[in-house]
C-alpha cells in the first residue's frame, strides 16, 4: 500500500479468568490474606480480598463473575504489577507467544483448567504475490479505507467466514478501492490449512490490566518473525520481517450488559458475535477503528443478558511495511480459545 501499514488490533477484557477446555466459567477462588510482613493476595473481581496484617500491596487477580478487578486491603491495599507469562514477547500492552506448528493435524489441546489472562488462537503464514509460490491475495492490492461487505453477515456453520466476491475485479459494486481479492477458493485458504500455501501455528496472547479493563496492544506485531516461510525484505528498508499472515480466534463470553468491543487497525478484520457480523473492516486500509456497543446491537445480534455467546475474530496482515494489532473490550470471556477444524484443501 502507499500508506504506512499499521495493523492495530487491541484486546481489552475486563474481569477475565479464562477457563480452558470448558464453556463454563472457572470458579473464582477466595483471595487469601498475607501473613505478617507478606503481601495479601488481591481480591478476585467481585470478591473481596482479605487483608494482610502488615504486608505490601496485593497481587493482580482476575475473576470470571465480578464486574471489575478487585484489590485486597493487604497492608497498604495497593494492587501488584502485571507479570507477563514466561516465554512471551512483551508488546506495548500484554504480550504474545508463538506456539507449535500443526499443519493438517488438529492443534494440540490447551492444557490445564485456567489460562489466567491468556487466550489462544491460530496464526497462518503466507508468501506474498511478489514471491515465488506466493498467494495472489497478499502483497497484491491497495486501499485507503475499509471495504465493507466482503463477507456475509452470518458466519458459516463451520465457524469460518463466508465470501461475497464483491471485490474480485476492479471497479465493481461497493469496492471504492478496486480489487481486494481474487476468488472464493483463494479466500478460503486465509483461514484453512492449504499445503504449500500457508503454515499454521498456535498463537497465545496475554492481556494486560489497563485501568479498569485488560488490553492486548502491539504496534510492532510480527509473531511469525524467523518462523514459517521466513522474513522478507531488507533490514535497511525496515521491512525484514515476516509479513503476510492471518489471525483467527474463537472464544465465548458471558453477556452481562454494558459491554463494548473495539478494534483499531489496518487490513482486514471481521468480528462476529453470536455468529453475526459485529465489526466489518475488510480490505486493505490504513488504521481504522471499528467499535460495537453490545446493548445497542443486542436485537441485531440476538443476544440477551445472562447468556453465553460465541465471539469469532478474523484478521489479515496483507501488505508491508508495518503491523499493529489492538483489541479493546470489557467482555467477560468464559474460555481461553477454541480451535475450529479446517476445511480440508
C-alpha atoms as a PDB file:
ATOM      1  CA  UNK A   1       0.000   0.000   0.000  1.00  0.00           C
ATOM      2  CA  UNK A   2       1.063   3.550  -0.479  1.00  0.00           C
ATOM      3  CA  UNK A   3       0.356   4.366   3.143  1.00  0.00           C
ATOM      4  CA  UNK A   4       2.227   3.133   6.181  1.00  0.00           C
ATOM      5  CA  UNK A   5       0.501  -0.044   7.330  1.00  0.00           C
ATOM      6  CA  UNK A   6      -0.455  -0.128  10.956  1.00  0.00           C
ATOM      7  CA  UNK A   7      -2.480  -3.283  11.632  1.00  0.00           C
ATOM      8  CA  UNK A   8      -3.626  -2.428  15.149  1.00  0.00           C
ATOM      9  CA  UNK A   9      -5.864  -4.824  16.966  1.00  0.00           C
ATOM     10  CA  UNK A  10      -6.274  -4.168  20.697  1.00  0.00           C
ATOM     11  CA  UNK A  11      -7.876  -6.530  23.147  1.00  0.00           C
ATOM     12  CA  UNK A  12      -9.215  -5.237  26.439  1.00  0.00           C
ATOM     13  CA  UNK A  13     -11.116  -7.703  28.560  1.00  0.00           C
ATOM     14  CA  UNK A  14     -12.464  -6.609  31.893  1.00  0.00           C
ATOM     15  CA  UNK A  15     -12.620  -9.171  34.706  1.00  0.00           C
ATOM     16  CA  UNK A  16     -11.345 -12.159  32.779  1.00  0.00           C
ATOM     17  CA  UNK A  17     -10.282 -15.544  34.093  1.00  0.00           C
ATOM     18  CA  UNK A  18     -10.417 -17.768  31.024  1.00  0.00           C
ATOM     19  CA  UNK A  19     -11.279 -21.403  31.683  1.00  0.00           C
ATOM     20  CA  UNK A  20      -9.548 -23.765  29.271  1.00  0.00           C
ATOM     21  CA  UNK A  21     -11.366 -26.620  27.630  1.00  0.00           C
ATOM     22  CA  UNK A  22     -14.750 -25.682  29.060  1.00  0.00           C
ATOM     23  CA  UNK A  23     -17.634 -23.446  28.146  1.00  0.00           C
ATOM     24  CA  UNK A  24     -18.324 -22.757  31.808  1.00  0.00           C
ATOM     25  CA  UNK A  25     -16.507 -20.116  33.855  1.00  0.00           C
ATOM     26  CA  UNK A  26     -13.874 -21.378  36.239  1.00  0.00           C
ATOM     27  CA  UNK A  27     -14.874 -20.739  39.835  1.00  0.00           C
ATOM     28  CA  UNK A  28     -13.249 -17.692  41.354  1.00  0.00           C
ATOM     29  CA  UNK A  29     -11.039 -18.764  44.250  1.00  0.00           C
ATOM     30  CA  UNK A  30     -11.240 -16.928  47.542  1.00  0.00           C
ATOM     31  CA  UNK A  31      -8.426 -14.449  47.958  1.00  0.00           C
ATOM     32  CA  UNK A  32      -6.045 -15.210  50.785  1.00  0.00           C
ATOM     33  CA  UNK A  33      -4.695 -12.788  53.337  1.00  0.00           C
ATOM     34  CA  UNK A  34      -0.986 -12.185  53.842  1.00  0.00           C
ATOM     35  CA  UNK A  35       0.928 -13.104  56.946  1.00  0.00           C
ATOM     36  CA  UNK A  36       2.846 -10.509  58.858  1.00  0.00           C
ATOM     37  CA  UNK A  37       5.365  -8.900  56.530  1.00  0.00           C
ATOM     38  CA  UNK A  38       3.972 -10.638  53.421  1.00  0.00           C
ATOM     39  CA  UNK A  39       1.574  -9.303  50.799  1.00  0.00           C
ATOM     40  CA  UNK A  40      -2.072 -10.265  50.822  1.00  0.00           C
ATOM     41  CA  UNK A  41      -3.478 -11.538  47.553  1.00  0.00           C
ATOM     42  CA  UNK A  42      -5.650  -9.046  45.686  1.00  0.00           C
ATOM     43  CA  UNK A  43      -9.358  -9.751  45.672  1.00  0.00           C
ATOM     44  CA  UNK A  44     -10.903 -11.621  42.784  1.00  0.00           C
ATOM     45  CA  UNK A  45     -13.149  -9.407  40.678  1.00  0.00           C
ATOM     46  CA  UNK A  46     -16.414  -9.213  42.531  1.00  0.00           C
ATOM     47  CA  UNK A  47     -14.890 -10.952  45.593  1.00  0.00           C
ATOM     48  CA  UNK A  48     -13.223  -9.008  48.354  1.00  0.00           C
ATOM     49  CA  UNK A  49      -9.632  -9.859  49.126  1.00  0.00           C
ATOM     50  CA  UNK A  50      -8.837 -10.449  52.770  1.00  0.00           C
ATOM     51  CA  UNK A  51      -6.350  -8.229  54.486  1.00  0.00           C
ATOM     52  CA  UNK A  52      -2.703  -8.955  55.105  1.00  0.00           C
ATOM     53  CA  UNK A  53      -1.722  -7.976  58.623  1.00  0.00           C
ATOM     54  CA  UNK A  54       1.157  -5.736  57.649  1.00  0.00           C
ATOM     55  CA  UNK A  55       2.132  -6.726  54.107  1.00  0.00           C
ATOM     56  CA  UNK A  56       2.503  -4.651  50.986  1.00  0.00           C
ATOM     57  CA  UNK A  57       0.001  -4.447  48.136  1.00  0.00           C
ATOM     58  CA  UNK A  58      -1.873  -7.468  46.842  1.00  0.00           C
ATOM     59  CA  UNK A  59      -1.168  -9.126  43.520  1.00  0.00           C
ATOM     60  CA  UNK A  60      -3.371  -8.616  40.485  1.00  0.00           C
ATOM     61  CA  UNK A  61      -6.293 -11.040  40.482  1.00  0.00           C
ATOM     62  CA  UNK A  62      -8.772 -11.627  37.700  1.00  0.00           C
ATOM     63  CA  UNK A  63     -12.148 -13.262  38.143  1.00  0.00           C
ATOM     64  CA  UNK A  64     -14.978 -14.513  35.969  1.00  0.00           C
ATOM     65  CA  UNK A  65     -18.067 -13.333  37.782  1.00  0.00           C
ATOM     66  CA  UNK A  66     -17.150  -9.867  39.005  1.00  0.00           C
ATOM     67  CA  UNK A  67     -17.548  -6.638  37.171  1.00  0.00           C
ATOM     68  CA  UNK A  68     -14.033  -5.368  37.706  1.00  0.00           C
ATOM     69  CA  UNK A  69     -10.622  -6.078  39.155  1.00  0.00           C
ATOM     70  CA  UNK A  70     -10.654  -6.120  42.922  1.00  0.00           C
ATOM     71  CA  UNK A  71      -7.756  -5.470  45.255  1.00  0.00           C
ATOM     72  CA  UNK A  72      -7.480  -6.823  48.760  1.00  0.00           C
ATOM     73  CA  UNK A  73      -6.602  -4.398  51.532  1.00  0.00           C
ATOM     74  CA  UNK A  74      -3.398  -6.424  52.139  1.00  0.00           C
ATOM     75  CA  UNK A  75      -1.440  -3.958  54.191  1.00  0.00           C
ATOM     76  CA  UNK A  76      -1.437  -0.831  52.077  1.00  0.00           C
ATOM     77  CA  UNK A  77      -4.021  -2.394  49.740  1.00  0.00           C
ATOM     78  CA  UNK A  78      -2.141  -1.410  46.568  1.00  0.00           C
ATOM     79  CA  UNK A  79      -2.579  -3.685  43.578  1.00  0.00           C
ATOM     80  CA  UNK A  80       0.512  -5.578  42.485  1.00  0.00           C
ATOM     81  CA  UNK A  81       2.057  -5.398  38.992  1.00  0.00           C
ATOM     82  CA  UNK A  82       1.110  -7.381  35.924  1.00  0.00           C
ATOM     83  CA  UNK A  83       3.583 -10.166  35.183  1.00  0.00           C
ATOM     84  CA  UNK A  84       3.976 -11.379  31.594  1.00  0.00           C
ATOM     85  CA  UNK A  85       3.922 -15.195  31.366  1.00  0.00           C
ATOM     86  CA  UNK A  86       7.257 -16.905  30.877  1.00  0.00           C
ATOM     87  CA  UNK A  87       8.376 -17.192  27.263  1.00  0.00           C
ATOM     88  CA  UNK A  88       6.132 -14.383  25.965  1.00  0.00           C
ATOM     89  CA  UNK A  89       7.331 -11.442  23.876  1.00  0.00           C
ATOM     90  CA  UNK A  90       6.461  -8.132  25.543  1.00  0.00           C
ATOM     91  CA  UNK A  91       4.367  -5.745  23.492  1.00  0.00           C
ATOM     92  CA  UNK A  92       3.038  -2.239  24.171  1.00  0.00           C
ATOM     93  CA  UNK A  93       0.411  -3.791  26.443  1.00  0.00           C
ATOM     94  CA  UNK A  94       0.436  -7.519  27.148  1.00  0.00           C
ATOM     95  CA  UNK A  95       2.452  -9.902  25.036  1.00  0.00           C
ATOM     96  CA  UNK A  96       2.362 -12.879  22.687  1.00  0.00           C
ATOM     97  CA  UNK A  97       3.940 -16.284  22.293  1.00  0.00           C
ATOM     98  CA  UNK A  98       4.183 -18.320  19.107  1.00  0.00           C
ATOM     99  CA  UNK A  99       3.212 -21.933  19.785  1.00  0.00           C
ATOM    100  CA  UNK A 100       3.775 -25.110  17.809  1.00  0.00           C
ATOM    101  CA  UNK A 101       3.036 -25.583  14.096  1.00  0.00           C
ATOM    102  CA  UNK A 102       0.327 -28.129  13.377  1.00  0.00           C
ATOM    103  CA  UNK A 103      -0.240 -28.204   9.613  1.00  0.00           C
ATOM    104  CA  UNK A 104      -3.078 -30.548   8.625  1.00  0.00           C
ATOM    105  CA  UNK A 105      -3.297 -32.062  12.096  1.00  0.00           C
ATOM    106  CA  UNK A 106      -5.583 -30.637  14.748  1.00  0.00           C
ATOM    107  CA  UNK A 107      -3.727 -28.170  17.005  1.00  0.00           C
ATOM    108  CA  UNK A 108      -2.691 -29.512  20.393  1.00  0.00           C
ATOM    109  CA  UNK A 109      -5.269 -29.097  23.176  1.00  0.00           C
ATOM    110  CA  UNK A 110      -4.720 -26.322  25.662  1.00  0.00           C
ATOM    111  CA  UNK A 111      -3.664 -27.887  28.918  1.00  0.00           C
ATOM    112  CA  UNK A 112      -4.998 -27.099  32.379  1.00  0.00           C
ATOM    113  CA  UNK A 113      -8.270 -25.687  33.622  1.00  0.00           C
ATOM    114  CA  UNK A 114      -7.442 -21.985  33.806  1.00  0.00           C
ATOM    115  CA  UNK A 115      -5.479 -19.711  31.492  1.00  0.00           C
ATOM    116  CA  UNK A 116      -5.353 -16.555  33.562  1.00  0.00           C
ATOM    117  CA  UNK A 117      -5.366 -13.680  31.100  1.00  0.00           C
ATOM    118  CA  UNK A 118      -4.060 -15.663  28.129  1.00  0.00           C
ATOM    119  CA  UNK A 119      -6.184 -16.513  25.104  1.00  0.00           C
ATOM    120  CA  UNK A 120      -5.187 -18.837  22.252  1.00  0.00           C
ATOM    121  CA  UNK A 121      -5.779 -18.678  18.517  1.00  0.00           C
ATOM    122  CA  UNK A 122      -4.200 -19.624  15.204  1.00  0.00           C
ATOM    123  CA  UNK A 123      -1.839 -17.588  13.038  1.00  0.00           C
ATOM    124  CA  UNK A 124      -1.170 -18.688   9.436  1.00  0.00           C
ATOM    125  CA  UNK A 125       1.865 -17.616   7.430  1.00  0.00           C
ATOM    126  CA  UNK A 126       1.670 -16.846   3.690  1.00  0.00           C
ATOM    127  CA  UNK A 127       4.056 -15.751   0.986  1.00  0.00           C
ATOM    128  CA  UNK A 128       3.206 -12.558  -0.861  1.00  0.00           C
ATOM    129  CA  UNK A 129       2.230 -12.458  -4.520  1.00  0.00           C
ATOM    130  CA  UNK A 130       5.645 -10.923  -5.234  1.00  0.00           C
ATOM    131  CA  UNK A 131       7.386 -14.130  -4.089  1.00  0.00           C
ATOM    132  CA  UNK A 132       7.713 -17.466  -5.863  1.00  0.00           C
ATOM    133  CA  UNK A 133       4.697 -19.564  -4.919  1.00  0.00           C
ATOM    134  CA  UNK A 134       3.035 -16.606  -3.221  1.00  0.00           C
ATOM    135  CA  UNK A 135      -0.663 -16.183  -2.528  1.00  0.00           C
ATOM    136  CA  UNK A 136      -2.396 -13.818  -5.001  1.00  0.00           C
ATOM    137  CA  UNK A 137      -4.342 -12.001  -2.246  1.00  0.00           C
ATOM    138  CA  UNK A 138      -1.252 -10.962  -0.263  1.00  0.00           C
ATOM    139  CA  UNK A 139       1.139  -8.144  -1.148  1.00  0.00           C
ATOM    140  CA  UNK A 140      -1.034  -7.521  -4.195  1.00  0.00           C
ATOM    141  CA  UNK A 141      -3.651  -4.794  -3.680  1.00  0.00           C
ATOM    142  CA  UNK A 142      -4.056  -1.365  -2.108  1.00  0.00           C
ATOM    143  CA  UNK A 143      -6.654   0.680  -0.279  1.00  0.00           C
ATOM    144  CA  UNK A 144      -7.168   3.847   1.717  1.00  0.00           C
ATOM    145  CA  UNK A 145     -10.251   2.853   3.688  1.00  0.00           C
ATOM    146  CA  UNK A 146     -12.316  -0.181   4.693  1.00  0.00           C
ATOM    147  CA  UNK A 147     -14.268  -2.148   2.119  1.00  0.00           C
ATOM    148  CA  UNK A 148     -17.413  -3.413   3.819  1.00  0.00           C
ATOM    149  CA  UNK A 149     -19.455  -6.357   2.611  1.00  0.00           C
ATOM    150  CA  UNK A 150     -16.613  -8.677   1.610  1.00  0.00           C
ATOM    151  CA  UNK A 151     -18.032 -11.359   3.915  1.00  0.00           C
ATOM    152  CA  UNK A 152     -21.706 -12.203   4.588  1.00  0.00           C
ATOM    153  CA  UNK A 153     -23.295 -11.032   7.831  1.00  0.00           C
ATOM    154  CA  UNK A 154     -23.780 -14.611   9.039  1.00  0.00           C
ATOM    155  CA  UNK A 155     -20.839 -16.838   9.958  1.00  0.00           C
ATOM    156  CA  UNK A 156     -20.806 -20.186   8.172  1.00  0.00           C
ATOM    157  CA  UNK A 157     -21.929 -23.307  10.014  1.00  0.00           C
ATOM    158  CA  UNK A 158     -18.283 -24.358  10.405  1.00  0.00           C
ATOM    159  CA  UNK A 159     -17.489 -21.048  12.178  1.00  0.00           C
ATOM    160  CA  UNK A 160     -15.480 -19.722   9.229  1.00  0.00           C
ATOM    161  CA  UNK A 161     -16.341 -16.507   7.337  1.00  0.00           C
ATOM    162  CA  UNK A 162     -18.155 -16.744   4.027  1.00  0.00           C
ATOM    163  CA  UNK A 163     -17.246 -14.819   0.900  1.00  0.00           C
ATOM    164  CA  UNK A 164     -19.319 -12.487  -1.273  1.00  0.00           C
ATOM    165  CA  UNK A 165     -16.865 -11.962  -4.133  1.00  0.00           C
ATOM    166  CA  UNK A 166     -17.758  -8.288  -4.493  1.00  0.00           C
ATOM    167  CA  UNK A 167     -14.124  -7.223  -4.961  1.00  0.00           C
ATOM    168  CA  UNK A 168     -12.709  -9.851  -7.297  1.00  0.00           C
ATOM    169  CA  UNK A 169     -12.270  -7.336 -10.122  1.00  0.00           C
ATOM    170  CA  UNK A 170     -11.689  -3.589 -10.288  1.00  0.00           C
ATOM    171  CA  UNK A 171     -14.499  -1.035 -10.298  1.00  0.00           C
ATOM    172  CA  UNK A 172     -17.140  -3.447  -9.028  1.00  0.00           C
ATOM    173  CA  UNK A 173     -20.070  -2.623  -6.772  1.00  0.00           C
ATOM    174  CA  UNK A 174     -19.112  -1.029  -3.429  1.00  0.00           C
ATOM    175  CA  UNK A 175     -15.385  -1.593  -3.993  1.00  0.00           C
ATOM    176  CA  UNK A 176     -14.213   2.009  -3.868  1.00  0.00           C
ATOM    177  CA  UNK A 177     -10.582   0.901  -3.679  1.00  0.00           C
ATOM    178  CA  UNK A 178     -10.900  -1.538  -6.553  1.00  0.00           C
ATOM    179  CA  UNK A 179      -9.823  -5.164  -6.394  1.00  0.00           C
ATOM    180  CA  UNK A 180      -9.211  -6.663  -2.949  1.00  0.00           C
ATOM    181  CA  UNK A 181      -9.433 -10.439  -3.531  1.00  0.00           C
ATOM    182  CA  UNK A 182      -9.167 -12.978  -6.348  1.00  0.00           C
ATOM    183  CA  UNK A 183     -11.544 -15.919  -5.737  1.00  0.00           C
ATOM    184  CA  UNK A 184     -13.595 -17.818  -3.162  1.00  0.00           C
ATOM    185  CA  UNK A 185     -11.107 -20.694  -3.231  1.00  0.00           C
ATOM    186  CA  UNK A 186      -8.182 -18.378  -2.519  1.00  0.00           C
ATOM    187  CA  UNK A 187     -10.091 -16.591   0.245  1.00  0.00           C
ATOM    188  CA  UNK A 188     -10.910 -19.900   1.924  1.00  0.00           C
ATOM    189  CA  UNK A 189      -7.172 -20.505   2.287  1.00  0.00           C
ATOM    190  CA  UNK A 190      -6.876 -17.475   4.560  1.00  0.00           C
ATOM    191  CA  UNK A 191      -8.441 -19.391   7.468  1.00  0.00           C
ATOM    192  CA  UNK A 192      -7.942 -23.023   6.450  1.00  0.00           C
ATOM    193  CA  UNK A 193      -4.785 -25.084   6.088  1.00  0.00           C
ATOM    194  CA  UNK A 194      -3.594 -25.394   2.483  1.00  0.00           C
ATOM    195  CA  UNK A 195      -0.442 -27.452   1.813  1.00  0.00           C
ATOM    196  CA  UNK A 196       2.400 -25.432   0.307  1.00  0.00           C
ATOM    197  CA  UNK A 197       0.266 -22.280   0.647  1.00  0.00           C
ATOM    198  CA  UNK A 198       0.143 -21.476   4.369  1.00  0.00           C
ATOM    199  CA  UNK A 199       1.815 -22.618   7.572  1.00  0.00           C
ATOM    200  CA  UNK A 200      -0.392 -22.510  10.715  1.00  0.00           C
ATOM    201  CA  UNK A 201       0.846 -22.092  14.277  1.00  0.00           C
ATOM    202  CA  UNK A 202      -0.829 -21.803  17.638  1.00  0.00           C
ATOM    203  CA  UNK A 203      -0.653 -18.220  18.940  1.00  0.00           C
ATOM    204  CA  UNK A 204      -1.083 -17.117  22.557  1.00  0.00           C
ATOM    205  CA  UNK A 205      -1.996 -13.547  23.534  1.00  0.00           C
ATOM    206  CA  UNK A 206      -1.627 -12.274  27.102  1.00  0.00           C
ATOM    207  CA  UNK A 207      -3.904  -9.414  28.162  1.00  0.00           C
ATOM    208  CA  UNK A 208      -2.634  -6.725  30.479  1.00  0.00           C
ATOM    209  CA  UNK A 209      -4.663  -4.771  33.047  1.00  0.00           C
ATOM    210  CA  UNK A 210      -5.260  -1.276  31.692  1.00  0.00           C
ATOM    211  CA  UNK A 211      -7.079   0.959  34.193  1.00  0.00           C
ATOM    212  CA  UNK A 212     -10.365  -0.941  34.673  1.00  0.00           C
ATOM    213  CA  UNK A 213     -10.015  -3.232  31.643  1.00  0.00           C
ATOM    214  CA  UNK A 214      -7.484  -5.601  30.036  1.00  0.00           C
ATOM    215  CA  UNK A 215      -5.641  -4.876  26.792  1.00  0.00           C
ATOM    216  CA  UNK A 216      -3.536  -6.547  24.153  1.00  0.00           C
ATOM    217  CA  UNK A 217      -1.743  -3.990  22.017  1.00  0.00           C
ATOM    218  CA  UNK A 218       1.209  -4.391  19.708  1.00  0.00           C
ATOM    219  CA  UNK A 219       2.410  -1.616  17.422  1.00  0.00           C
ATOM    220  CA  UNK A 220       5.067  -3.988  16.105  1.00  0.00           C
ATOM    221  CA  UNK A 221       3.106  -7.173  15.612  1.00  0.00           C
ATOM    222  CA  UNK A 222       5.256  -9.784  13.876  1.00  0.00           C
ATOM    223  CA  UNK A 223       4.586 -13.047  15.731  1.00  0.00           C
ATOM    224  CA  UNK A 224       5.994 -15.124  12.856  1.00  0.00           C
ATOM    225  CA  UNK A 225       9.381 -13.429  12.553  1.00  0.00           C
ATOM    226  CA  UNK A 226      12.021 -16.077  11.802  1.00  0.00           C
ATOM    227  CA  UNK A 227       9.332 -18.775  11.505  1.00  0.00           C
ATOM    228  CA  UNK A 228       7.050 -20.172   8.827  1.00  0.00           C
ATOM    229  CA  UNK A 229       8.114 -19.055   5.356  1.00  0.00           C
ATOM    230  CA  UNK A 230      10.670 -16.724   6.909  1.00  0.00           C
ATOM    231  CA  UNK A 231      11.256 -12.996   6.830  1.00  0.00           C
ATOM    232  CA  UNK A 232      11.051 -10.888   3.708  1.00  0.00           C
ATOM    233  CA  UNK A 233      12.679  -7.635   2.673  1.00  0.00           C
ATOM    234  CA  UNK A 234      15.849  -5.818   3.598  1.00  0.00           C
ATOM    235  CA  UNK A 235      16.872  -4.578   7.015  1.00  0.00           C
ATOM    236  CA  UNK A 236      17.878  -1.188   5.643  1.00  0.00           C
ATOM    237  CA  UNK A 237      14.346  -0.781   4.317  1.00  0.00           C
ATOM    238  CA  UNK A 238      12.902  -1.673   7.734  1.00  0.00           C
ATOM    239  CA  UNK A 239      10.999  -4.496   6.042  1.00  0.00           C
ATOM    240  CA  UNK A 240      12.936  -7.536   7.241  1.00  0.00           C
ATOM    241  CA  UNK A 241      10.018  -9.180   8.993  1.00  0.00           C
ATOM    242  CA  UNK A 242       7.597 -11.993   8.324  1.00  0.00           C
ATOM    243  CA  UNK A 243       4.651 -10.100   6.847  1.00  0.00           C
ATOM    244  CA  UNK A 244       1.570 -11.628   5.250  1.00  0.00           C
ATOM    245  CA  UNK A 245      -0.331 -13.701   7.787  1.00  0.00           C
ATOM    246  CA  UNK A 246      -3.818 -14.184   9.182  1.00  0.00           C
ATOM    247  CA  UNK A 247      -5.056 -14.469  12.759  1.00  0.00           C
ATOM    248  CA  UNK A 248      -8.086 -16.487  13.833  1.00  0.00           C
ATOM    249  CA  UNK A 249      -9.578 -16.501  17.353  1.00  0.00           C
ATOM    250  CA  UNK A 250     -12.649 -18.328  18.628  1.00  0.00           C
ATOM    251  CA  UNK A 251     -13.863 -17.911  22.194  1.00  0.00           C
ATOM    252  CA  UNK A 252     -17.028 -17.343  24.215  1.00  0.00           C
ATOM    253  CA  UNK A 253     -18.201 -14.688  26.636  1.00  0.00           C
ATOM    254  CA  UNK A 254     -20.966 -14.138  29.130  1.00  0.00           C
ATOM    255  CA  UNK A 255     -23.149 -11.161  28.213  1.00  0.00           C
ATOM    256  CA  UNK A 256     -23.981  -9.175  31.341  1.00  0.00           C
ATOM    257  CA  UNK A 257     -24.994  -5.860  29.759  1.00  0.00           C
ATOM    258  CA  UNK A 258     -22.903  -2.757  29.124  1.00  0.00           C
ATOM    259  CA  UNK A 259     -20.130  -4.489  27.150  1.00  0.00           C
ATOM    260  CA  UNK A 260     -18.187  -2.916  24.328  1.00  0.00           C
ATOM    261  CA  UNK A 261     -15.740  -4.293  21.761  1.00  0.00           C
ATOM    262  CA  UNK A 262     -13.325  -2.107  19.794  1.00  0.00           C
ATOM    263  CA  UNK A 263     -10.832  -2.946  17.084  1.00  0.00           C
ATOM    264  CA  UNK A 264      -8.236  -0.496  15.821  1.00  0.00           C
ATOM    265  CA  UNK A 265      -6.010  -1.375  12.909  1.00  0.00           C
ATOM    266  CA  UNK A 266      -5.353  -1.811   9.244  1.00  0.00           C
ATOM    267  CA  UNK A 267      -6.146  -4.538   6.776  1.00  0.00           C
ATOM    268  CA  UNK A 268      -8.993  -6.961   7.079  1.00  0.00           C
ATOM    269  CA  UNK A 269     -10.724  -7.593  10.403  1.00  0.00           C
ATOM    270  CA  UNK A 270     -14.121  -9.185  10.908  1.00  0.00           C
ATOM    271  CA  UNK A 271     -15.577  -9.799  14.348  1.00  0.00           C
ATOM    272  CA  UNK A 272     -18.665 -11.969  14.760  1.00  0.00           C
ATOM    273  CA  UNK A 273     -20.766 -12.058  17.925  1.00  0.00           C
ATOM    274  CA  UNK A 274     -23.278 -14.886  18.227  1.00  0.00           C
ATOM    275  CA  UNK A 275     -22.300 -15.778  14.634  1.00  0.00           C
ATOM    276  CA  UNK A 276     -23.432 -12.327  13.391  1.00  0.00           C
ATOM    277  CA  UNK A 277     -21.088  -9.756  11.892  1.00  0.00           C
ATOM    278  CA  UNK A 278     -20.400  -7.062  14.506  1.00  0.00           C
ATOM    279  CA  UNK A 279     -17.248  -5.313  13.169  1.00  0.00           C
ATOM    280  CA  UNK A 280     -16.583  -5.047   9.424  1.00  0.00           C
ATOM    281  CA  UNK A 281     -13.221  -3.559   8.469  1.00  0.00           C
ATOM    282  CA  UNK A 282     -12.472  -5.598   5.360  1.00  0.00           C
ATOM    283  CA  UNK A 283      -9.955  -4.797   2.688  1.00  0.00           C
ATOM    284  CA  UNK A 284      -6.581  -3.083   2.773  1.00  0.00           C
ATOM    285  CA  UNK A 285      -6.545   0.249   4.557  1.00  0.00           C
ATOM    286  CA  UNK A 286      -4.588   2.451   6.971  1.00  0.00           C
ATOM    287  CA  UNK A 287      -5.531   2.236  10.674  1.00  0.00           C
ATOM    288  CA  UNK A 288      -9.288   2.275  11.181  1.00  0.00           C
ATOM    289  CA  UNK A 289     -11.494   1.823  14.244  1.00  0.00           C
ATOM    290  CA  UNK A 290     -14.454  -0.498  14.496  1.00  0.00           C
ATOM    291  CA  UNK A 291     -16.467  -0.470  17.715  1.00  0.00           C
ATOM    292  CA  UNK A 292     -19.718  -2.007  18.894  1.00  0.00           C
ATOM    293  CA  UNK A 293     -21.823  -1.376  21.989  1.00  0.00           C
ATOM    294  CA  UNK A 294     -23.499  -4.698  22.607  1.00  0.00           C
ATOM    295  CA  UNK A 295     -26.567  -3.255  24.318  1.00  0.00           C
ATOM    296  CA  UNK A 296     -27.333  -1.059  21.297  1.00  0.00           C
ATOM    297  CA  UNK A 297     -26.938  -4.008  18.898  1.00  0.00           C
ATOM    298  CA  UNK A 298     -28.438  -6.728  21.097  1.00  0.00           C
ATOM    299  CA  UNK A 299     -31.529  -7.186  18.915  1.00  0.00           C
ATOM    300  CA  UNK A 300     -29.487  -7.436  15.719  1.00  0.00           C
ATOM    301  CA  UNK A 301     -27.026  -9.843  17.306  1.00  0.00           C
ATOM    302  CA  UNK A 302     -29.768 -11.863  19.002  1.00  0.00           C
ATOM    303  CA  UNK A 303     -28.208 -11.677  22.456  1.00  0.00           C
ATOM    304  CA  UNK A 304     -29.806 -11.435  25.905  1.00  0.00           C
ATOM    305  CA  UNK A 305     -28.042 -10.570  29.197  1.00  0.00           C
ATOM    306  CA  UNK A 306     -27.206 -13.573  31.348  1.00  0.00           C
ATOM    307  CA  UNK A 307     -26.394 -15.897  28.446  1.00  0.00           C
ATOM    308  CA  UNK A 308     -23.129 -17.074  26.892  1.00  0.00           C
ATOM    309  CA  UNK A 309     -22.283 -16.390  23.243  1.00  0.00           C
ATOM    310  CA  UNK A 310     -19.519 -17.029  20.728  1.00  0.00           C
ATOM    311  CA  UNK A 311     -17.025 -14.399  19.638  1.00  0.00           C
ATOM    312  CA  UNK A 312     -15.091 -15.151  16.439  1.00  0.00           C
ATOM    313  CA  UNK A 313     -12.354 -12.839  15.158  1.00  0.00           C
ATOM    314  CA  UNK A 314     -10.607 -12.991  11.772  1.00  0.00           C
ATOM    315  CA  UNK A 315      -7.686 -10.738  10.890  1.00  0.00           C
ATOM    316  CA  UNK A 316      -5.341 -10.493   7.896  1.00  0.00           C
ATOM    317  CA  UNK A 317      -1.963  -8.733   7.640  1.00  0.00           C
ATOM    318  CA  UNK A 318      -1.659  -8.458   3.863  1.00  0.00           C
ATOM    319  CA  UNK A 319       0.888  -5.792   2.995  1.00  0.00           C
ATOM    320  CA  UNK A 320       4.166  -4.269   4.115  1.00  0.00           C
ATOM    321  CA  UNK A 321       5.504  -2.219   5.790  1.00  0.00           C
ATOM    322  CA  UNK A 322       4.171  -2.134   9.374  1.00  0.00           C
ATOM    323  CA  UNK A 323       1.904  -4.237  11.545  1.00  0.00           C
ATOM    324  CA  UNK A 324      -0.153  -3.164  14.560  1.00  0.00           C
ATOM    325  CA  UNK A 325      -2.696  -5.248  16.453  1.00  0.00           C
ATOM    326  CA  UNK A 326      -5.029  -3.959  19.164  1.00  0.00           C
ATOM    327  CA  UNK A 327      -8.357  -5.069  20.655  1.00  0.00           C
ATOM    328  CA  UNK A 328     -10.217  -3.315  23.493  1.00  0.00           C
ATOM    329  CA  UNK A 329     -13.152  -4.977  25.223  1.00  0.00           C
ATOM    330  CA  UNK A 330     -14.765  -5.464  28.609  1.00  0.00           C
ATOM    331  CA  UNK A 331     -16.262  -8.776  27.518  1.00  0.00           C
ATOM    332  CA  UNK A 332     -16.199 -11.485  30.170  1.00  0.00           C
ATOM    333  CA  UNK A 333     -14.642 -14.443  28.344  1.00  0.00           C
ATOM    334  CA  UNK A 334     -15.526 -17.929  29.558  1.00  0.00           C
ATOM    335  CA  UNK A 335     -12.805 -19.958  27.838  1.00  0.00           C
ATOM    336  CA  UNK A 336      -9.269 -19.406  26.623  1.00  0.00           C
ATOM    337  CA  UNK A 337      -9.843 -20.207  22.974  1.00  0.00           C
ATOM    338  CA  UNK A 338     -11.345 -22.925  20.805  1.00  0.00           C
ATOM    339  CA  UNK A 339      -9.679 -24.441  17.760  1.00  0.00           C
ATOM    340  CA  UNK A 340     -12.132 -24.846  14.888  1.00  0.00           C
ATOM    341  CA  UNK A 341     -11.412 -27.686  12.411  1.00  0.00           C
ATOM    342  CA  UNK A 342     -10.215 -26.561   8.998  1.00  0.00           C
ATOM    343  CA  UNK A 343     -11.890 -27.429   5.725  1.00  0.00           C
ATOM    344  CA  UNK A 344      -9.551 -29.943   4.018  1.00  0.00           C
ATOM    345  CA  UNK A 345      -7.777 -28.478   0.991  1.00  0.00           C
END
